[in-house]
């Protein structure tokens, strides 16, 4: 699972770089030629969602998901065993919610795939919905699996990032 999460994160990073190129090219085109790229707005909307969901599993894997652990931190000082139980319950709930998200988006992916639905403005820019629905489904399913392994193993502390993982 770790390898898949890392590959998805790397793909998300490449999408970020592509987005930077797209936006900068659009700005240059607007200012230099008074001609913006068609569909930049729609592409940015599409790609931002894709970036978030491509990088989400790796964020969950390395325990960098934004959350408030204040209650668990205080509880772990006073009653560490109870804090571990609560942490496992939280990971179990997170796994359930991520699994439900994957389950809910799967029929939407199938519908978008079979019907060929798209978003955007016809004649300007259109793109199919199915790739983003598939990314959301696979990402949330992978997050659910990662949370299940965390709930079973009981590991919650943020892992140290190695140089090659941190991107530094």
Protein backbone atom coordinates (compact mmCIF):
# COMPACT_ATOMS: atom_id res chain seq x y z
CA UNK A 1 0.00 0.00 0.00
CA UNK A 2 2.85 2.37 0.81
CA UNK A 3 4.24 2.11 -2.71
CA UNK A 4 0.87 2.81 -4.32
CA UNK A 5 0.33 5.81 -2.02
CA UNK A 6 3.78 7.16 -2.88
CA UNK A 7 3.21 6.74 -6.62
CA UNK A 8 -0.15 8.52 -6.34
CA UNK A 9 1.52 11.32 -4.38
CA UNK A 10 4.19 11.65 -7.06
CA UNK A 11 1.49 11.75 -9.74
CA UNK A 12 -0.26 14.49 -7.78
CA UNK A 13 2.99 16.43 -7.64
CA UNK A 14 3.36 16.14 -11.42
CA UNK A 15 -0.20 17.42 -11.81
CA UNK A 16 0.74 20.41 -9.60
CA UNK A 17 3.69 21.13 -11.90
CA UNK A 18 1.43 20.87 -14.93
CA UNK A 19 -1.02 23.24 -13.27
CA UNK A 20 1.77 25.75 -12.61
CA UNK A 21 2.78 25.61 -16.27
CA UNK A 22 -0.84 25.98 -17.39
CA UNK A 23 -1.58 28.97 -15.15
CA UNK A 24 1.68 30.75 -15.96
CA UNK A 25 1.19 30.16 -19.68
CA UNK A 26 -2.34 31.53 -19.41
CA UNK A 27 -1.12 34.65 -17.58
CA UNK A 28 1.63 35.24 -20.15
CA UNK A 29 -0.82 34.68 -23.00
CA UNK A 30 -3.33 37.09 -21.46
CA UNK A 31 -0.78 39.84 -20.95
CA UNK A 32 1.41 39.42 -24.02
CA UNK A 33 -1.20 38.51 -26.63
CA UNK A 34 -4.49 39.52 -24.99
CA UNK A 35 -5.63 35.95 -25.64
CA UNK A 36 -6.20 33.69 -22.64
CA UNK A 37 -6.10 29.93 -23.04
CA UNK A 38 -9.56 28.49 -23.43
CA UNK A 39 -10.62 26.22 -20.61
CA UNK A 40 -8.01 27.25 -18.06
CA UNK A 41 -10.67 27.90 -15.43
CA UNK A 42 -12.30 24.51 -16.00
CA UNK A 43 -8.96 22.69 -16.08
CA UNK A 44 -7.91 24.29 -12.79
CA UNK A 45 -11.14 23.14 -11.12
CA UNK A 46 -10.67 19.62 -12.43
CA UNK A 47 -6.98 19.38 -11.57
CA UNK A 48 -7.28 20.77 -8.03
CA UNK A 49 -9.68 18.01 -7.05
CA UNK A 50 -7.40 15.47 -8.69
CA UNK A 51 -4.35 16.80 -6.82
CA UNK A 52 -6.06 16.56 -3.44
CA UNK A 53 -7.22 13.00 -3.96
CA UNK A 54 -3.98 11.78 -5.54
CA UNK A 55 -1.98 13.00 -2.56
CA UNK A 56 -4.46 12.07 0.19
CA UNK A 57 -3.44 8.40 0.68
CA UNK A 58 0.22 9.26 1.23
CA UNK A 59 -0.73 12.04 3.63
CA UNK A 60 -2.79 9.52 5.61
CA UNK A 61 0.02 6.95 5.42
CA UNK A 62 2.64 9.24 6.95
CA UNK A 63 0.23 10.67 9.55
CA UNK A 64 0.25 14.20 8.20
CA UNK A 65 -3.50 14.58 7.82
CA UNK A 66 -4.65 17.81 9.42
CA UNK A 67 -6.45 17.01 12.66
CA UNK A 68 -6.67 18.03 16.27
CA UNK A 69 -5.03 15.56 18.60
CA UNK A 70 -5.29 17.78 21.68
CA UNK A 71 -7.72 15.46 23.44
CA UNK A 72 -5.64 12.38 22.65
CA UNK A 73 -2.42 14.12 23.73
CA UNK A 74 -3.86 15.02 27.13
CA UNK A 75 -5.47 11.61 27.53
CA UNK A 76 -2.26 9.78 26.56
CA UNK A 77 -0.37 11.51 29.37
CA UNK A 78 -2.94 10.45 31.98
CA UNK A 79 -4.32 7.18 30.59
CA UNK A 80 -2.21 5.90 27.69
CA UNK A 81 -4.15 2.64 27.27
CA UNK A 82 -7.44 4.51 26.94
CA UNK A 83 -5.84 6.96 24.50
CA UNK A 84 -4.70 4.05 22.32
CA UNK A 85 -8.24 2.66 22.33
CA UNK A 86 -9.66 6.03 21.30
CA UNK A 87 -7.00 6.39 18.60
CA UNK A 88 -7.93 3.00 17.17
CA UNK A 89 -11.61 3.94 17.29
CA UNK A 90 -10.86 7.16 15.40
CA UNK A 91 -8.90 5.24 12.76
CA UNK A 92 -11.73 2.72 12.48
CA UNK A 93 -14.28 5.51 11.98
CA UNK A 94 -12.02 7.15 9.41
CA UNK A 95 -11.75 3.82 7.57
CA UNK A 96 -15.54 3.47 7.59
CA UNK A 97 -16.10 6.99 6.25
CA UNK A 98 -13.44 6.61 3.56
CA UNK A 99 -14.94 3.26 2.59
CA UNK A 100 -18.39 4.82 2.40
CA UNK A 101 -17.03 7.60 0.19
CA UNK A 102 -15.46 5.04 -2.16
CA UNK A 103 -18.69 3.02 -2.18
CA UNK A 104 -20.77 6.13 -2.91
CA UNK A 105 -18.59 7.41 -5.75
CA UNK A 106 -18.27 4.04 -7.56
CA UNK A 107 -21.76 4.18 -9.19
CA UNK A 108 -21.08 7.78 -10.21
CA UNK A 109 -17.85 6.67 -11.88
CA UNK A 110 -19.68 3.88 -13.73
CA UNK A 111 -22.41 6.27 -14.87
CA UNK A 112 -19.87 8.84 -16.07
CA UNK A 113 -17.92 6.10 -17.87
CA UNK A 114 -20.94 4.58 -19.63
CA UNK A 115 -22.82 7.80 -20.41
CA UNK A 116 -19.75 9.81 -21.37
CA UNK A 117 -20.74 12.76 -19.19
CA UNK A 118 -18.47 15.77 -19.25
CA UNK A 119 -18.02 19.14 -17.62
CA UNK A 120 -17.00 22.47 -19.02
CA UNK A 121 -18.39 24.76 -21.66
CA UNK A 122 -19.14 23.10 -25.00
CA UNK A 123 -17.16 24.75 -27.76
CA UNK A 124 -14.62 26.15 -25.32
CA UNK A 125 -13.39 23.31 -23.13
CA UNK A 126 -14.89 20.01 -22.09
CA UNK A 127 -13.44 17.02 -20.27
CA UNK A 128 -14.95 13.73 -19.18
CA UNK A 129 -15.99 13.32 -15.56
CA UNK A 130 -14.91 9.70 -15.24
CA UNK A 131 -11.17 10.25 -14.58
CA UNK A 132 -11.82 12.42 -11.54
CA UNK A 133 -14.52 10.07 -10.25
CA UNK A 134 -12.10 7.15 -10.62
CA UNK A 135 -9.31 9.01 -8.80
CA UNK A 136 -11.68 9.88 -5.94
CA UNK A 137 -12.93 6.30 -5.70
CA UNK A 138 -9.49 4.68 -5.74
CA UNK A 139 -8.01 7.28 -3.39
CA UNK A 140 -10.72 6.95 -0.77
CA UNK A 141 -10.57 3.14 -1.02
CA UNK A 142 -6.80 3.23 -0.47
CA UNK A 143 -7.25 5.64 2.45
CA UNK A 144 -9.79 3.23 3.96
CA UNK A 145 -7.29 0.38 3.71
CA UNK A 146 -4.55 2.50 5.26
CA UNK A 147 -6.83 3.50 8.14
CA UNK A 148 -7.77 -0.17 8.66
CA UNK A 149 -4.09 -1.12 8.96
CA UNK A 150 -3.56 1.77 11.39
CA UNK A 151 -6.54 0.68 13.48
CA UNK A 152 -5.24 -2.88 13.61
CA UNK A 153 -1.59 -2.02 14.26
CA UNK A 154 -2.29 0.86 16.63
CA UNK A 155 0.47 3.03 15.13
CA UNK A 156 -0.47 6.71 15.26
CA UNK A 157 2.66 8.74 15.79
CA UNK A 158 3.89 10.69 12.79
CA UNK A 159 6.62 8.78 11.05
CA UNK A 160 9.93 10.46 10.37
CA UNK A 161 10.22 11.48 6.76
CA UNK A 162 13.29 10.26 4.98
CA UNK A 163 15.00 12.71 2.67
CA UNK A 164 13.78 10.95 -0.48
CA UNK A 165 10.16 11.03 0.79
CA UNK A 166 10.16 14.64 1.90
CA UNK A 167 11.05 16.01 -1.50
CA UNK A 168 13.94 18.03 -0.03
